[in-house]
C-alpha atoms as a PDB file:
ATOM      1  CA  MET A   1      96.236 135.996  84.144  1.00  0.00           C
ATOM      2  CA  ASN A   2      95.049 132.400  84.620  1.00  0.00           C
ATOM      3  CA  VAL A   3      96.457 129.747  86.931  1.00  0.00           C
ATOM      4  CA  LEU A   4      98.694 128.218  84.278  1.00  0.00           C
ATOM      5  CA  SER A   5     100.241 131.614  83.574  1.00  0.00           C
ATOM      6  CA  LEU A   6     100.882 132.102  87.294  1.00  0.00           C
ATOM      7  CA  ILE A   7     102.589 128.716  87.531  1.00  0.00           C
ATOM      8  CA  GLN A   8     104.764 129.491  84.535  1.00  0.00           C
ATOM      9  CA  ALA A   9     105.683 132.888  85.968  1.00  0.00           C
ATOM     10  CA  ALA A  10     106.551 131.422  89.379  1.00  0.00           C
ATOM     11  CA  GLY A  11     109.474 129.345  88.167  1.00  0.00           C
ATOM     12  CA  PRO A  12     110.531 125.773  88.987  1.00  0.00           C
ATOM     13  CA  LEU A  13     110.290 126.051  92.775  1.00  0.00           C
ATOM     14  CA  LEU A  14     106.525 126.364  92.608  1.00  0.00           C
ATOM     15  CA  TRP A  15     106.391 122.834  91.207  1.00  0.00           C
ATOM     16  CA  VAL A  16     108.192 121.698  94.341  1.00  0.00           C
ATOM     17  CA  LEU A  17     105.581 123.470  96.445  1.00  0.00           C
ATOM     18  CA  LEU A  18     102.769 121.897  94.434  1.00  0.00           C
ATOM     19  CA  ALA A  19     104.220 118.420  94.965  1.00  0.00           C
ATOM     20  CA  LEU A  20     104.614 119.203  98.671  1.00  0.00           C
ATOM     21  CA  SER A  21     101.013 120.357  98.889  1.00  0.00           C
ATOM     22  CA  LEU A  22      99.755 117.121  97.300  1.00  0.00           C
ATOM     23  CA  PHE A  23     101.850 115.081  99.736  1.00  0.00           C
ATOM     24  CA  THR A  24     100.449 117.139 102.608  1.00  0.00           C
ATOM     25  CA  LEU A  25      96.861 116.472 101.538  1.00  0.00           C
ATOM     26  CA  TYR A  26      97.658 112.771 101.203  1.00  0.00           C
ATOM     27  CA  LEU A  27      99.047 112.603 104.744  1.00  0.00           C
ATOM     28  CA  ILE A  28      96.077 114.517 106.143  1.00  0.00           C
ATOM     29  CA  ALA A  29      93.550 112.212 104.478  1.00  0.00           C
ATOM     30  CA  LEU A  30      95.482 109.146 105.628  1.00  0.00           C
ATOM     31  CA  ARG A  31      95.611 110.273 109.254  1.00  0.00           C
ATOM     32  CA  ILE A  32      91.944 111.309 109.322  1.00  0.00           C
ATOM     33  CA  GLN A  33      90.976 107.850 108.137  1.00  0.00           C
ATOM     34  CA  ALA A  34      93.274 106.120 110.636  1.00  0.00           C
ATOM     35  CA  LEU A  35      92.189 108.213 113.616  1.00  0.00           C
ATOM     36  CA  SER A  36      88.528 107.726 112.731  1.00  0.00           C
ATOM     37  CA  ARG A  37      89.099 103.974 112.904  1.00  0.00           C
ATOM     38  CA  LEU A  38      91.168 104.111 116.105  1.00  0.00           C
ATOM     39  CA  GLY A  39      88.821 106.550 117.810  1.00  0.00           C
ATOM     40  CA  GLN A  40      85.739 104.339 117.921  1.00  0.00           C
ATOM     41  CA  ASP A  41      83.686 104.772 121.072  1.00  0.00           C
ATOM     42  CA  ASP A  42      84.790 102.117 123.542  1.00  0.00           C
ATOM     43  CA  ALA A  43      83.400 103.545 126.787  1.00  0.00           C
ATOM     44  CA  ALA A  44      80.807 100.764 126.929  1.00  0.00           C
ATOM     45  CA  LEU A  45      83.555  98.174 126.487  1.00  0.00           C
ATOM     46  CA  ILE A  46      85.462  99.593 129.453  1.00  0.00           C
ATOM     47  CA  GLU A  47      82.416  99.369 131.706  1.00  0.00           C
ATOM     48  CA  ARG A  48      81.607  95.822 130.594  1.00  0.00           C
ATOM     49  CA  THR A  49      85.205  94.773 131.141  1.00  0.00           C
ATOM     50  CA  ARG A  50      85.237  96.312 134.618  1.00  0.00           C
ATOM     51  CA  ALA A  51      82.057  94.485 135.589  1.00  0.00           C
ATOM     52  CA  THR A  52      83.208  91.175 134.096  1.00  0.00           C
ATOM     53  CA  THR A  53      86.572  91.424 135.861  1.00  0.00           C
ATOM     54  CA  ALA A  54      84.857  91.881 139.226  1.00  0.00           C
ATOM     55  CA  GLU A  55      82.294  89.132 138.670  1.00  0.00           C
ATOM     56  CA  ALA A  56      84.128  86.441 136.698  1.00  0.00           C
ATOM     57  CA  GLY A  57      87.813  87.338 136.736  1.00  0.00           C
ATOM     58  CA  PRO A  58      90.362  88.564 134.192  1.00  0.00           C
ATOM     59  CA  GLU A  59      90.073  85.569 131.863  1.00  0.00           C
ATOM     60  CA  ALA A  60      86.384  86.188 131.271  1.00  0.00           C
ATOM     61  CA  ALA A  61      87.081  89.905 130.866  1.00  0.00           C
ATOM     62  CA  LEU A  62      89.743  89.145 128.243  1.00  0.00           C
ATOM     63  CA  ALA A  63      87.230  87.012 126.372  1.00  0.00           C
ATOM     64  CA  GLU A  64      84.789  89.924 126.493  1.00  0.00           C
ATOM     65  CA  VAL A  65      87.357  92.282 124.960  1.00  0.00           C
ATOM     66  CA  ASN A  66      88.263  89.790 122.253  1.00  0.00           C
ATOM     67  CA  TYR A  67      84.613  89.189 121.468  1.00  0.00           C
ATOM     68  CA  SER A  68      84.083  92.925 120.877  1.00  0.00           C
ATOM     69  CA  GLY A  69      86.535  92.805 117.960  1.00  0.00           C
ATOM     70  CA  LEU A  70      87.702  96.375 118.610  1.00  0.00           C
ATOM     71  CA  GLN A  71      91.272  97.252 117.691  1.00  0.00           C
ATOM     72  CA  THR A  72      91.369 100.658 119.342  1.00  0.00           C
ATOM     73  CA  PRO A  73      94.297 101.647 121.594  1.00  0.00           C
ATOM     74  CA  THR A  74      92.073 101.291 124.661  1.00  0.00           C
ATOM     75  CA  ALA A  75      91.000  97.769 123.679  1.00  0.00           C
ATOM     76  CA  ASN A  76      94.573  96.720 122.923  1.00  0.00           C
ATOM     77  CA  VAL A  77      95.835  98.015 126.266  1.00  0.00           C
ATOM     78  CA  LEU A  78      93.025  96.123 128.007  1.00  0.00           C
ATOM     79  CA  ARG A  79      94.035  92.944 126.183  1.00  0.00           C
ATOM     80  CA  ALA A  80      97.673  93.371 127.144  1.00  0.00           C
ATOM     81  CA  GLY A  81      96.888  93.886 130.832  1.00  0.00           C
ATOM     82  CA  LEU A  82      94.276  91.155 131.166  1.00  0.00           C
ATOM     83  CA  ALA A  83      96.436  88.626 129.338  1.00  0.00           C
ATOM     84  CA  ARG A  84      99.150  88.995 131.996  1.00  0.00           C
ATOM     85  CA  ALA A  85      96.821  89.395 134.984  1.00  0.00           C
ATOM     86  CA  ASP A  86      97.464  85.828 136.122  1.00  0.00           C
ATOM     87  CA  ARG A  87     101.091  86.795 136.811  1.00  0.00           C
ATOM     88  CA  GLY A  88     100.235  89.695 139.077  1.00  0.00           C
ATOM     89  CA  VAL A  89      99.524  93.412 138.955  1.00  0.00           C
ATOM     90  CA  GLU A  90     103.121  94.377 138.187  1.00  0.00           C
ATOM     91  CA  ALA A  91     103.273  92.040 135.185  1.00  0.00           C
ATOM     92  CA  ALA A  92      99.973  93.399 133.906  1.00  0.00           C
ATOM     93  CA  GLN A  93     101.238  96.967 134.375  1.00  0.00           C
ATOM     94  CA  ALA A  94     104.450  96.251 132.477  1.00  0.00           C
ATOM     95  CA  SER A  95     102.513  94.659 129.623  1.00  0.00           C
ATOM     96  CA  MET A  96     100.224  97.686 129.398  1.00  0.00           C
ATOM     97  CA  ASN A  97     103.200 100.044 129.373  1.00  0.00           C
ATOM     98  CA  ALA A  98     104.616  98.226 126.362  1.00  0.00           C
ATOM     99  CA  ALA A  99     101.209  98.325 124.660  1.00  0.00           C
ATOM    100  CA  ILE A 100     100.949 102.072 125.259  1.00  0.00           C
ATOM    101  CA  LEU A 101     104.247 102.625 123.433  1.00  0.00           C
ATOM    102  CA  GLN A 102     103.007 100.641 120.440  1.00  0.00           C
ATOM    103  CA  GLU A 103      99.698 102.491 120.349  1.00  0.00           C
ATOM    104  CA  ASP A 104     101.421 105.884 120.550  1.00  0.00           C
ATOM    105  CA  ALA A 105     103.412 104.964 117.460  1.00  0.00           C
ATOM    106  CA  ARG A 106     100.160 104.186 115.642  1.00  0.00           C
ATOM    107  CA  LEU A 107      98.430 107.353 116.816  1.00  0.00           C
ATOM    108  CA  TYR A 108     101.146 109.904 116.146  1.00  0.00           C
ATOM    109  CA  THR A 109     102.705 108.545 112.969  1.00  0.00           C
ATOM    110  CA  SER A 110     103.029 111.095 110.118  1.00  0.00           C
ATOM    111  CA  LEU A 111     102.429 114.034 112.468  1.00  0.00           C
ATOM    112  CA  ASN A 112     106.150 114.787 112.573  1.00  0.00           C
ATOM    113  CA  ALA A 113     106.166 114.805 108.772  1.00  0.00           C
ATOM    114  CA  LEU A 114     103.396 117.413 108.756  1.00  0.00           C
ATOM    115  CA  GLY A 115     105.370 119.481 111.250  1.00  0.00           C
ATOM    116  CA  THR A 116     108.451 119.302 109.034  1.00  0.00           C
ATOM    117  CA  ILE A 117     106.435 120.394 105.998  1.00  0.00           C
ATOM    118  CA  ALA A 118     105.059 123.347 107.970  1.00  0.00           C
ATOM    119  CA  GLN A 119     108.646 124.413 108.693  1.00  0.00           C
ATOM    120  CA  ILE A 120     110.266 123.947 105.291  1.00  0.00           C
ATOM    121  CA  ALA A 121     107.433 125.173 103.030  1.00  0.00           C
ATOM    122  CA  PRO A 122     107.987 128.875 103.927  1.00  0.00           C
ATOM    123  CA  LEU A 123     111.714 128.393 103.415  1.00  0.00           C
ATOM    124  CA  ILE A 124     111.125 127.005  99.916  1.00  0.00           C
ATOM    125  CA  GLY A 125     108.830 129.947  99.212  1.00  0.00           C
ATOM    126  CA  LEU A 126     111.489 132.315 100.507  1.00  0.00           C
ATOM    127  CA  LEU A 127     114.045 130.696  98.229  1.00  0.00           C
ATOM    128  CA  GLY A 128     111.720 131.301  95.286  1.00  0.00           C
ATOM    129  CA  THR A 129     111.387 134.901  96.416  1.00  0.00           C
ATOM    130  CA  VAL A 130     115.150 135.298  96.348  1.00  0.00           C
ATOM    131  CA  PHE A 131     115.324 133.807  92.857  1.00  0.00           C
ATOM    132  CA  GLY A 132     112.643 136.224  91.658  1.00  0.00           C
ATOM    133  CA  MET A 133     114.413 139.233  93.108  1.00  0.00           C
ATOM    134  CA  VAL A 134     117.699 138.110  91.566  1.00  0.00           C
ATOM    135  CA  ARG A 135     115.963 137.900  88.195  1.00  0.00           C
ATOM    136  CA  SER A 136     114.680 141.457  88.636  1.00  0.00           C
ATOM    137  CA  PHE A 137     118.149 142.746  89.506  1.00  0.00           C
ATOM    138  CA  ILE A 138     119.574 141.022  86.437  1.00  0.00           C
ATOM    139  CA  VAL A 139     117.071 142.968  84.346  1.00  0.00           C
ATOM    140  CA  PHE A 140     118.286 146.152  86.018  1.00  0.00           C
ATOM    141  CA  ALA A 141     121.878 145.232  85.250  1.00  0.00           C
ATOM    142  CA  GLN A 142     121.231 144.447  81.610  1.00  0.00           C
ATOM    143  CA  THR A 143     118.838 147.315  80.855  1.00  0.00           C
ATOM    144  CA  SER A 144     119.422 150.920  81.734  1.00  0.00           C
ATOM    145  CA  ALA A 145     115.696 151.731  81.817  1.00  0.00           C
ATOM    146  CA  PRO A 146     113.707 148.512  82.286  1.00  0.00           C
ATOM    147  CA  THR A 147     110.011 148.563  81.618  1.00  0.00           C
ATOM    148  CA  PRO A 148     107.411 147.316  84.134  1.00  0.00           C
ATOM    149  CA  ALA A 149     106.782 144.290  81.930  1.00  0.00           C
ATOM    150  CA  GLN A 150     110.457 143.341  82.124  1.00  0.00           C
ATOM    151  CA  LEU A 151     110.455 143.611  85.911  1.00  0.00           C
ATOM    152  CA  ALA A 152     107.118 141.856  86.335  1.00  0.00           C
ATOM    153  CA  THR A 153     108.544 138.400  85.664  1.00  0.00           C
ATOM    154  CA  GLY A 154     110.954 138.456  88.590  1.00  0.00           C
ATOM    155  CA  ILE A 155     108.526 140.167  90.933  1.00  0.00           C
ATOM    156  CA  SER A 156     105.762 137.689  90.045  1.00  0.00           C
ATOM    157  CA  GLU A 157     108.079 134.774  90.713  1.00  0.00           C
ATOM    158  CA  ALA A 158     109.003 136.223  94.099  1.00  0.00           C
ATOM    159  CA  LEU A 159     105.449 136.911  95.271  1.00  0.00           C
ATOM    160  CA  ILE A 160     103.863 133.713  93.954  1.00  0.00           C
ATOM    161  CA  ASN A 161     106.483 131.516  95.612  1.00  0.00           C
ATOM    162  CA  THR A 162     106.074 133.391  98.884  1.00  0.00           C
ATOM    163  CA  ALA A 163     102.316 132.928  98.806  1.00  0.00           C
ATOM    164  CA  GLY A 164     102.616 129.260  97.815  1.00  0.00           C
ATOM    165  CA  GLY A 165     105.031 128.479 100.639  1.00  0.00           C
ATOM    166  CA  LEU A 166     102.813 130.180 103.221  1.00  0.00           C
ATOM    167  CA  ILE A 167      99.659 128.409 102.018  1.00  0.00           C
ATOM    168  CA  VAL A 168     101.262 124.972 102.244  1.00  0.00           C
ATOM    169  CA  ALA A 169     102.751 125.762 105.657  1.00  0.00           C
ATOM    170  CA  ILE A 170      99.451 127.015 107.079  1.00  0.00           C
ATOM    171  CA  ILE A 171      97.544 123.944 105.886  1.00  0.00           C
ATOM    172  CA  ALA A 172     100.191 121.563 107.281  1.00  0.00           C
ATOM    173  CA  TYR A 173     100.429 123.395 110.612  1.00  0.00           C
ATOM    174  CA  VAL A 174      96.674 123.602 111.222  1.00  0.00           C
ATOM    175  CA  ALA A 175      96.141 119.978 110.187  1.00  0.00           C
ATOM    176  CA  ARG A 176      98.986 118.765 112.405  1.00  0.00           C
ATOM    177  CA  ASN A 177      97.572 120.498 115.483  1.00  0.00           C
ATOM    178  CA  ALA A 178      94.041 119.259 114.801  1.00  0.00           C
ATOM    179  CA  LEU A 179      95.195 115.684 114.263  1.00  0.00           C
ATOM    180  CA  ARG A 180      97.419 115.780 117.350  1.00  0.00           C
ATOM    181  CA  THR A 181      94.488 116.971 119.454  1.00  0.00           C
ATOM    182  CA  ARG A 182      92.404 114.073 118.144  1.00  0.00           C
ATOM    183  CA  ALA A 183      95.222 111.599 118.823  1.00  0.00           C
ATOM    184  CA  ASP A 184      95.659 112.971 122.354  1.00  0.00           C
ATOM    185  CA  ARG A 185      91.993 112.337 123.132  1.00  0.00           C
ATOM    186  CA  ILE A 186      92.277 108.747 121.925  1.00  0.00           C
ATOM    187  CA  ALA A 187      95.501 108.215 123.874  1.00  0.00           C
ATOM    188  CA  ALA A 188      93.822 109.568 127.023  1.00  0.00           C
ATOM    189  CA  GLY A 189      91.386 106.635 126.947  1.00  0.00           C
ATOM    190  CA  ALA A 190      94.249 104.147 126.800  1.00  0.00           C
ATOM    191  CA  GLU A 191      96.025 105.963 129.641  1.00  0.00           C
ATOM    192  CA  ARG A 192      92.857 105.829 131.710  1.00  0.00           C
ATOM    193  CA  VAL A 193      92.667 102.056 131.292  1.00  0.00           C
ATOM    194  CA  ARG A 194      96.324 101.653 132.215  1.00  0.00           C
ATOM    195  CA  GLU A 195      95.719 103.540 135.461  1.00  0.00           C
ATOM    196  CA  GLU A 196      92.435 101.835 136.371  1.00  0.00           C
ATOM    197  CA  LEU A 197      93.074  98.185 135.485  1.00  0.00           C
ATOM    198  CA  PRO A 198      95.492  97.522 138.396  1.00  0.00           C
ATOM    199  CA  ALA A 199      92.762  98.695 140.782  1.00  0.00           C
ATOM    200  CA  TRP A 200      90.351  96.186 139.207  1.00  0.00           C
ATOM    201  CA  LEU A 201      92.858  93.364 139.586  1.00  0.00           C
ATOM    202  CA  SER A 202      94.193  94.086 143.079  1.00  0.00           C
ATOM    203  CA  PRO A 203      91.183  92.767 145.049  1.00  0.00           C
ATOM    204  CA  LEU A 204      91.195  89.568 143.000  1.00  0.00           C
ATOM    205  CA  ILE A 205      94.916  88.911 143.262  1.00  0.00           C
ATOM    206  CA  SER A 206      95.185  89.843 146.946  1.00  0.00           C
ATOM    207  CA  GLY A 207      92.552  87.219 147.794  1.00  0.00           C
ATOM    208  CA  ARG A 208      94.510  84.330 146.285  1.00  0.00           C
ATOM    209  CA  PRO A 209      96.779  82.070 148.365  1.00  0.00           C
ATOM    210  CA  PRO A 210     100.499  82.511 147.728  1.00  0.00           C
ATOM    211  CA  VAL A 211     101.703  80.684 144.629  1.00  0.00           C
ATOM    212  CA  GLY A 212     103.452  77.345 145.351  1.00  0.00           C
ATOM    213  CA  ARG A 213     101.836  76.709 148.747  1.00  0.00           C
ATOM    214  CA  SER A 214      99.086  74.168 149.306  1.00  0.00           C
ATOM    215  CA  ALA A 215      96.025  74.701 151.470  1.00  0.00           C
ATOM    216  CA  SER A 216      97.373  72.378 154.178  1.00  0.00           C
ATOM    217  CA  GLN A 217     100.619  74.338 154.354  1.00  0.00           C
ATOM    218  CA  THR A 218      98.659  77.555 154.688  1.00  0.00           C
ATOM    219  CA  GLN A 219      96.627  76.116 157.598  1.00  0.00           C
ATOM    220  CA  ILE A 220      99.678  74.758 159.414  1.00  0.00           C
ATOM    221  CA  SER A 221     101.294  78.169 159.287  1.00  0.00           C
ATOM    222  CA  ASN A 222      98.767  79.355 161.884  1.00  0.00           C
ATOM    223  CA  PRO A 223     100.582  79.273 165.313  1.00  0.00           C
ATOM    224  CA  SER A 224      97.493  78.133 167.262  1.00  0.00           C
ATOM    225  CA  GLN A 225      96.980  75.211 164.909  1.00  0.00           C
ATOM    226  CA  LEU A 226     100.654  74.256 165.212  1.00  0.00           C
ATOM    227  CA  GLU A 227     100.285  74.149 168.994  1.00  0.00           C
ATOM    228  CA  PHE A 228      97.172  71.999 168.758  1.00  0.00           C
ATOM    229  CA  ILE A 229      98.866  69.500 166.415  1.00  0.00           C
ATOM    230  CA  PHE A 230     101.973  69.332 168.630  1.00  0.00           C
ATOM    231  CA  GLU A 231      99.940  68.683 171.804  1.00  0.00           C
ATOM    232  CA  GLY A 232      97.876  66.047 170.030  1.00  0.00           C
ATOM    233  CA  GLY A 233     101.022  64.271 168.909  1.00  0.00           C
ATOM    234  CA  GLN A 234     102.284  64.071 172.524  1.00  0.00           C
ATOM    235  CA  GLN A 235      99.109  62.386 173.675  1.00  0.00           C
END
């Protein structure tokens, strides 16, 4: 029995499983391509950005990230934090949190669809199994002594649909877990940057004078200098 004969014997539900299997392969190929692009090695970029932040400040570090041209989650989180660094650590942290949410959506898209396929494919196969068994019982009801050839059609439909549903489910389940593991590793790099960037910025921001106060106001706030100015005014 060739493949075409098996498909014909399996009934209409096998066509549903075939379409589902093609959609599964399409999603897998799409996510492999996307994660390969998003998972470019950016460890060197992180180190250069750290050094540039310490030596020349966040603006120069942002220029370094933009010059790299990388669009990985780690690079995008760096851009978001450095772009708001002039407003303080909390503003940079909030901007990175928003960037993390956007990058998670890019990393984990279509994985839920693969999980759904892994759940419903065995159910579709089971439904085909039920249809095949019903066909066999109809043969029993219509024929007092059915031959093996008469029963083979229903039994073939049941077994082929069961096997088809399990094959699609196994492929979708394994691919989903492998792709999620890959996405988790990429997301870990972005999380690392979100945790480390505030520590890079804190020494720079803590050394600045308070916003809105001039240098002369800062000097006059010293009590000893106030006393000296007051005594000099009396003389």
